Amino acid sequence: MVKKMMGSKRPMSPRQIKQMKGKMKTFELEGVEEVIIRFADKEISIPSPEVSKIVMAGNEVYQVMGSGMERPRGSDESATSLGVAYTDTDVQLVMSQTGASEEVVRKALEDENGDLAGAIVRLKTRK
């Protein structure tokens, strides 16, 4: 009697796992300020994420860790204060990440030339 194995695979042996790990290369990407995942009607913004790049058999996989905030895509106008461009959504994002007031967040964004990650770090380290 012949059994068909449909969709089931044998578990990998420890030796096979070790060989596969040897072929896998992982890199930490330094200096990433923000990751944005765009959909047709919305986007997810992840400020100050930890990003790793994994390369195996010619394929690249990116692993992103951090707190994301969903926002409508292309719905807000850019606000400019003292020549620094940022959006109301940017202000809301920094407020949600730091718990700071709108006034304090706008000042931090201006001091950081509109850099969300810089503003978040500035506000989190001042506490």
N, C-alpha and C. Protein backbone atom coordinates (compact mmCIF):
# COMPACT_ATOMS: atom_id res chain seq x y z
N MET A 1 0.85 -1.16 0.00
CA MET A 1 0.00 0.00 0.00
C MET A 1 0.91 1.24 0.00
N VAL A 2 0.61 2.19 -0.88
CA VAL A 2 1.39 3.42 -1.01
C VAL A 2 0.58 4.56 -0.43
N LYS A 3 1.20 5.29 0.48
CA LYS A 3 0.54 6.46 1.05
C LYS A 3 1.02 7.70 0.33
N LYS A 4 0.09 8.57 0.00
CA LYS A 4 0.44 9.85 -0.59
C LYS A 4 0.62 10.87 0.51
N MET A 5 1.69 11.62 0.42
CA MET A 5 1.92 12.68 1.40
C MET A 5 1.54 13.99 0.74
N MET A 6 0.37 14.48 1.04
CA MET A 6 -0.13 15.69 0.41
C MET A 6 0.15 16.89 1.30
N GLY A 7 1.08 17.70 0.87
CA GLY A 7 1.33 18.94 1.58
C GLY A 7 2.12 18.78 2.87
N SER A 8 2.41 17.56 3.30
CA SER A 8 3.16 17.41 4.54
C SER A 8 4.63 17.16 4.21
N LYS A 9 5.48 17.73 5.02
CA LYS A 9 6.91 17.57 4.85
C LYS A 9 7.48 16.98 6.11
N ARG A 10 8.62 16.33 5.95
CA ARG A 10 9.30 15.83 7.14
C ARG A 10 9.89 17.00 7.88
N PRO A 11 9.94 16.91 9.19
CA PRO A 11 10.57 18.00 9.94
C PRO A 11 12.05 18.09 9.59
N MET A 12 12.57 19.31 9.69
CA MET A 12 13.98 19.51 9.38
C MET A 12 14.83 18.96 10.53
N SER A 13 15.93 18.36 10.15
CA SER A 13 16.85 17.85 11.16
C SER A 13 17.67 19.01 11.72
N PRO A 14 18.25 18.84 12.92
CA PRO A 14 19.11 19.89 13.46
C PRO A 14 20.26 20.24 12.52
N ARG A 15 20.77 19.26 11.81
CA ARG A 15 21.85 19.51 10.85
C ARG A 15 21.37 20.42 9.72
N GLN A 16 20.17 20.14 9.19
CA GLN A 16 19.61 20.97 8.12
C GLN A 16 19.36 22.40 8.60
N ILE A 17 18.88 22.55 9.82
CA ILE A 17 18.63 23.88 10.38
C ILE A 17 19.95 24.65 10.51
N LYS A 18 20.98 23.97 10.99
CA LYS A 18 22.30 24.60 11.14
C LYS A 18 22.85 25.03 9.78
N GLN A 19 22.69 24.19 8.75
CA GLN A 19 23.15 24.54 7.40
C GLN A 19 22.40 25.76 6.88
N MET A 20 21.09 25.80 7.10
CA MET A 20 20.29 26.90 6.61
C MET A 20 20.69 28.20 7.31
N LYS A 21 20.92 28.16 8.61
CA LYS A 21 21.35 29.35 9.35
C LYS A 21 22.70 29.84 8.86
N GLY A 22 23.56 28.91 8.45
CA GLY A 22 24.88 29.29 7.93
C GLY A 22 24.78 30.05 6.61
N LYS A 23 23.75 29.80 5.85
CA LYS A 23 23.55 30.47 4.56
C LYS A 23 22.80 31.80 4.71
N MET A 24 22.24 32.04 5.88
CA MET A 24 21.44 33.23 6.13
C MET A 24 22.34 34.34 6.67
N LYS A 25 22.21 35.53 6.10
CA LYS A 25 22.97 36.68 6.58
C LYS A 25 21.99 37.73 7.07
N THR A 26 22.25 38.26 8.26
CA THR A 26 21.37 39.27 8.87
C THR A 26 22.16 40.55 9.08
N PHE A 27 21.56 41.67 8.69
CA PHE A 27 22.17 42.98 8.84
C PHE A 27 21.21 43.89 9.58
N GLU A 28 21.70 44.63 10.56
CA GLU A 28 20.91 45.66 11.23
C GLU A 28 21.07 46.94 10.41
N LEU A 29 19.97 47.57 10.02
CA LEU A 29 20.03 48.81 9.27
C LEU A 29 20.01 49.97 10.25
N GLU A 30 21.09 50.73 10.28
CA GLU A 30 21.23 51.84 11.22
C GLU A 30 20.70 53.14 10.60
N GLY A 31 20.19 54.02 11.43
CA GLY A 31 19.79 55.34 10.97
C GLY A 31 18.43 55.42 10.29
N VAL A 32 17.62 54.37 10.38
CA VAL A 32 16.29 54.40 9.76
C VAL A 32 15.41 55.34 10.58
N GLU A 33 14.86 56.36 9.94
CA GLU A 33 14.05 57.35 10.64
C GLU A 33 12.57 56.98 10.67
N GLU A 34 12.09 56.35 9.59
CA GLU A 34 10.67 56.04 9.51
C GLU A 34 10.44 54.99 8.43
N VAL A 35 9.47 54.10 8.68
CA VAL A 35 9.03 53.14 7.68
C VAL A 35 7.55 53.44 7.42
N ILE A 36 7.19 53.54 6.15
CA ILE A 36 5.80 53.80 5.78
C ILE A 36 5.32 52.66 4.90
N ILE A 37 4.19 52.07 5.29
CA ILE A 37 3.55 51.03 4.49
C ILE A 37 2.32 51.66 3.88
N ARG A 38 2.28 51.76 2.54
CA ARG A 38 1.19 52.47 1.86
C ARG A 38 0.19 51.49 1.26
N PHE A 39 -1.07 51.80 1.49
CA PHE A 39 -2.19 51.10 0.88
C PHE A 39 -2.88 52.10 -0.04
N ALA A 40 -3.90 51.67 -0.76
CA ALA A 40 -4.60 52.57 -1.67
C ALA A 40 -5.25 53.75 -0.93
N ASP A 41 -5.77 53.48 0.26
CA ASP A 41 -6.53 54.52 0.97
C ASP A 41 -5.93 54.94 2.31
N LYS A 42 -4.88 54.27 2.76
CA LYS A 42 -4.30 54.59 4.06
C LYS A 42 -2.82 54.25 4.05
N GLU A 43 -2.14 54.61 5.13
CA GLU A 43 -0.75 54.23 5.30
C GLU A 43 -0.48 54.00 6.78
N ILE A 44 0.53 53.18 7.04
CA ILE A 44 0.96 52.93 8.40
C ILE A 44 2.36 53.52 8.52
N SER A 45 2.53 54.42 9.45
CA SER A 45 3.82 55.07 9.68
C SER A 45 4.44 54.50 10.95
N ILE A 46 5.71 54.08 10.85
CA ILE A 46 6.43 53.55 12.00
C ILE A 46 7.68 54.41 12.20
N PRO A 47 7.62 55.38 13.12
CA PRO A 47 8.78 56.24 13.35
C PRO A 47 9.82 55.52 14.21
N SER A 48 11.07 55.82 13.97
CA SER A 48 12.20 55.26 14.73
C SER A 48 12.14 53.74 14.88
N PRO A 49 11.96 53.01 13.77
CA PRO A 49 11.87 51.55 13.89
C PRO A 49 13.24 50.90 13.99
N GLU A 50 13.26 49.67 14.48
CA GLU A 50 14.43 48.83 14.38
C GLU A 50 14.22 47.98 13.14
N VAL A 51 15.17 48.03 12.19
CA VAL A 51 15.00 47.33 10.93
C VAL A 51 16.17 46.38 10.71
N SER A 52 15.85 45.14 10.38
CA SER A 52 16.85 44.13 10.04
C SER A 52 16.61 43.66 8.62
N LYS A 53 17.70 43.37 7.93
CA LYS A 53 17.62 42.83 6.58
C LYS A 53 18.21 41.42 6.63
N ILE A 54 17.44 40.45 6.16
CA ILE A 54 17.88 39.06 6.16
C ILE A 54 18.01 38.62 4.71
N VAL A 55 19.18 38.10 4.34
CA VAL A 55 19.44 37.65 2.97
C VAL A 55 19.69 36.15 3.01
N MET A 56 18.91 35.41 2.20
CA MET A 56 19.07 33.97 2.12
C MET A 56 18.68 33.50 0.73
N ALA A 57 19.58 32.79 0.11
CA ALA A 57 19.35 32.24 -1.23
C ALA A 57 18.93 33.32 -2.22
N GLY A 58 19.55 34.49 -2.12
CA GLY A 58 19.27 35.57 -3.07
C GLY A 58 18.02 36.37 -2.78
N ASN A 59 17.27 35.99 -1.78
CA ASN A 59 16.05 36.72 -1.41
C ASN A 59 16.33 37.62 -0.22
N GLU A 60 15.66 38.76 -0.18
CA GLU A 60 15.80 39.70 0.92
C GLU A 60 14.49 39.78 1.68
N VAL A 61 14.60 39.76 3.00
CA VAL A 61 13.45 39.92 3.89
C VAL A 61 13.78 41.04 4.85
N TYR A 62 12.85 41.97 5.03
CA TYR A 62 13.05 43.07 5.97
C TYR A 62 12.15 42.85 7.16
N GLN A 63 12.71 42.95 8.34
CA GLN A 63 11.96 42.82 9.58
C GLN A 63 11.92 44.19 10.24
N VAL A 64 10.71 44.68 10.50
CA VAL A 64 10.53 46.01 11.07
C VAL A 64 9.87 45.86 12.44
N MET A 65 10.48 46.49 13.45
CA MET A 65 9.90 46.46 14.80
C MET A 65 9.73 47.89 15.29
N GLY A 66 8.54 48.18 15.79
CA GLY A 66 8.24 49.51 16.29
C GLY A 66 6.74 49.71 16.37
N SER A 67 6.33 50.81 16.97
CA SER A 67 4.91 51.12 17.09
C SER A 67 4.46 51.90 15.87
N GLY A 68 3.43 51.43 15.22
CA GLY A 68 2.91 52.09 14.03
C GLY A 68 1.64 52.85 14.30
N MET A 69 1.38 53.81 13.42
CA MET A 69 0.16 54.60 13.53
C MET A 69 -0.49 54.63 12.15
N GLU A 70 -1.75 54.24 12.11
CA GLU A 70 -2.48 54.25 10.85
C GLU A 70 -3.04 55.64 10.60
N ARG A 71 -2.95 56.08 9.36
CA ARG A 71 -3.48 57.40 9.00
C ARG A 71 -4.00 57.33 7.57
N PRO A 72 -4.98 58.20 7.24
CA PRO A 72 -5.47 58.23 5.86
C PRO A 72 -4.36 58.68 4.92
N ARG A 73 -4.37 58.17 3.73
CA ARG A 73 -3.33 58.51 2.78
C ARG A 73 -3.68 59.79 2.04
N GLY A 74 -2.73 60.71 2.03
CA GLY A 74 -2.86 61.93 1.25
C GLY A 74 -4.00 62.84 1.68
N SER A 75 -4.41 62.75 2.93
CA SER A 75 -5.58 63.54 3.32
C SER A 75 -5.24 64.84 4.04
N ASP A 76 -3.98 64.99 4.48
CA ASP A 76 -3.71 66.21 5.22
C ASP A 76 -2.78 67.14 4.46
N GLU A 77 -2.94 68.38 4.76
CA GLU A 77 -2.13 69.42 4.13
C GLU A 77 -0.84 69.59 4.89
N SER A 78 0.18 69.99 4.22
CA SER A 78 1.45 70.23 4.87
C SER A 78 1.40 71.57 5.60
N ALA A 79 1.84 71.59 6.85
CA ALA A 79 1.88 72.83 7.62
C ALA A 79 3.31 73.33 7.64
N THR A 80 3.49 74.59 7.44
CA THR A 80 4.84 75.14 7.44
C THR A 80 4.93 76.21 8.51
N SER A 81 5.92 76.07 9.36
CA SER A 81 6.16 77.05 10.41
C SER A 81 7.64 77.34 10.41
N LEU A 82 7.99 78.59 10.26
CA LEU A 82 9.40 79.00 10.21
C LEU A 82 10.16 78.26 9.11
N GLY A 83 9.49 77.97 7.99
CA GLY A 83 10.15 77.31 6.88
C GLY A 83 10.31 75.80 7.04
N VAL A 84 9.78 75.22 8.11
CA VAL A 84 9.89 73.79 8.36
C VAL A 84 8.55 73.15 8.01
N ALA A 85 8.55 72.15 7.15
CA ALA A 85 7.31 71.52 6.72
C ALA A 85 7.03 70.26 7.54
N TYR A 86 5.81 70.18 8.06
CA TYR A 86 5.32 68.98 8.72
C TYR A 86 3.80 69.04 8.65
N THR A 87 3.15 67.91 8.84
CA THR A 87 1.70 67.85 8.71
C THR A 87 1.04 67.74 10.08
N ASP A 88 -0.26 67.98 10.10
CA ASP A 88 -1.02 67.80 11.34
C ASP A 88 -0.96 66.34 11.78
N THR A 89 -0.91 65.43 10.81
CA THR A 89 -0.78 64.01 11.14
C THR A 89 0.55 63.74 11.81
N ASP A 90 1.61 64.42 11.35
CA ASP A 90 2.92 64.29 11.99
C ASP A 90 2.84 64.72 13.45
N VAL A 91 2.16 65.83 13.69
CA VAL A 91 2.00 66.34 15.06
C VAL A 91 1.26 65.31 15.91
N GLN A 92 0.17 64.76 15.38
CA GLN A 92 -0.61 63.77 16.12
C GLN A 92 0.22 62.52 16.42
N LEU A 93 1.02 62.11 15.45
CA LEU A 93 1.87 60.93 15.62
C LEU A 93 2.88 61.15 16.75
N VAL A 94 3.55 62.29 16.74
CA VAL A 94 4.54 62.58 17.78
C VAL A 94 3.85 62.71 19.14
N MET A 95 2.67 63.32 19.16
CA MET A 95 1.92 63.43 20.42
C MET A 95 1.58 62.04 20.97
N SER A 96 1.15 61.13 20.09
CA SER A 96 0.78 59.78 20.54
C SER A 96 1.98 59.00 21.04
N GLN A 97 3.15 59.25 20.48
CA GLN A 97 4.35 58.53 20.87
C GLN A 97 4.98 59.08 22.14
N THR A 98 4.77 60.37 22.41
CA THR A 98 5.47 61.01 23.53
C THR A 98 4.56 61.48 24.66
N GLY A 99 3.28 61.67 24.37
CA GLY A 99 2.37 62.18 25.38
C GLY A 99 2.51 63.68 25.60
N ALA A 100 3.26 64.35 24.76
CA ALA A 100 3.48 65.80 24.89
C ALA A 100 2.31 66.56 24.29
N SER A 101 2.17 67.80 24.68
CA SER A 101 1.09 68.65 24.17
C SER A 101 1.39 69.07 22.73
N GLU A 102 0.36 69.53 22.04
CA GLU A 102 0.52 69.96 20.66
C GLU A 102 1.55 71.07 20.52
N GLU A 103 1.49 72.03 21.42
CA GLU A 103 2.42 73.16 21.38
C GLU A 103 3.87 72.69 21.53
N VAL A 104 4.10 71.80 22.48
CA VAL A 104 5.46 71.28 22.72
C VAL A 104 5.93 70.46 21.52
N VAL A 105 5.02 69.67 20.93
CA VAL A 105 5.38 68.85 19.76
C VAL A 105 5.73 69.73 18.57
N ARG A 106 4.93 70.76 18.32
CA ARG A 106 5.23 71.65 17.19
C ARG A 106 6.60 72.32 17.37
N LYS A 107 6.92 72.71 18.57
CA LYS A 107 8.22 73.31 18.86
C LYS A 107 9.35 72.30 18.60
N ALA A 108 9.15 71.06 19.04
CA ALA A 108 10.17 70.02 18.83
C ALA A 108 10.34 69.73 17.34
N LEU A 109 9.24 69.70 16.59
CA LEU A 109 9.34 69.47 15.15
C LEU A 109 10.09 70.62 14.46
N GLU A 110 9.85 71.83 14.91
CA GLU A 110 10.57 72.97 14.35
C GLU A 110 12.06 72.89 14.69
N ASP A 111 12.36 72.55 15.94
CA ASP A 111 13.76 72.42 16.36
C ASP A 111 14.49 71.32 15.61
N GLU A 112 13.75 70.28 15.21
CA GLU A 112 14.35 69.13 14.51
C GLU A 112 14.15 69.23 12.99
N ASN A 113 13.78 70.40 12.50
CA ASN A 113 13.59 70.62 11.05
C ASN A 113 12.60 69.64 10.42
N GLY A 114 11.52 69.34 11.15
CA GLY A 114 10.47 68.47 10.63
C GLY A 114 10.75 66.99 10.76
N ASP A 115 11.87 66.61 11.37
CA ASP A 115 12.25 65.20 11.52
C ASP A 115 11.43 64.57 12.65
N LEU A 116 10.52 63.65 12.28
CA LEU A 116 9.65 63.01 13.27
C LEU A 116 10.44 62.24 14.31
N ALA A 117 11.37 61.42 13.83
CA ALA A 117 12.15 60.59 14.76
C ALA A 117 12.95 61.47 15.72
N GLY A 118 13.56 62.52 15.20
CA GLY A 118 14.33 63.43 16.04
C GLY A 118 13.47 64.10 17.09
N ALA A 119 12.25 64.50 16.70
CA ALA A 119 11.34 65.14 17.64
C ALA A 119 10.92 64.16 18.73
N ILE A 120 10.64 62.93 18.35
CA ILE A 120 10.24 61.92 19.33
C ILE A 120 11.38 61.66 20.32
N VAL A 121 12.58 61.48 19.79
CA VAL A 121 13.72 61.23 20.67
C VAL A 121 13.94 62.43 21.59
N ARG A 122 13.86 63.62 21.05
CA ARG A 122 14.06 64.84 21.86
C ARG A 122 13.05 64.88 23.00
N LEU A 123 11.79 64.60 22.70
CA LEU A 123 10.75 64.69 23.73
C LEU A 123 10.82 63.54 24.73
N LYS A 124 11.21 62.36 24.28
CA LYS A 124 11.30 61.22 25.21
C LYS A 124 12.50 61.35 26.13
N THR A 125 13.57 61.96 25.67
CA THR A 125 14.77 62.06 26.50
C THR A 125 14.73 63.26 27.44
N ARG A 126 13.81 64.17 27.24
CA ARG A 126 13.74 65.33 28.13
C ARG A 126 13.01 65.03 29.42
N LYS A 127 12.31 63.91 29.47
CA LYS A 127 11.51 63.57 30.68
C LYS A 127 12.39 63.08 31.78
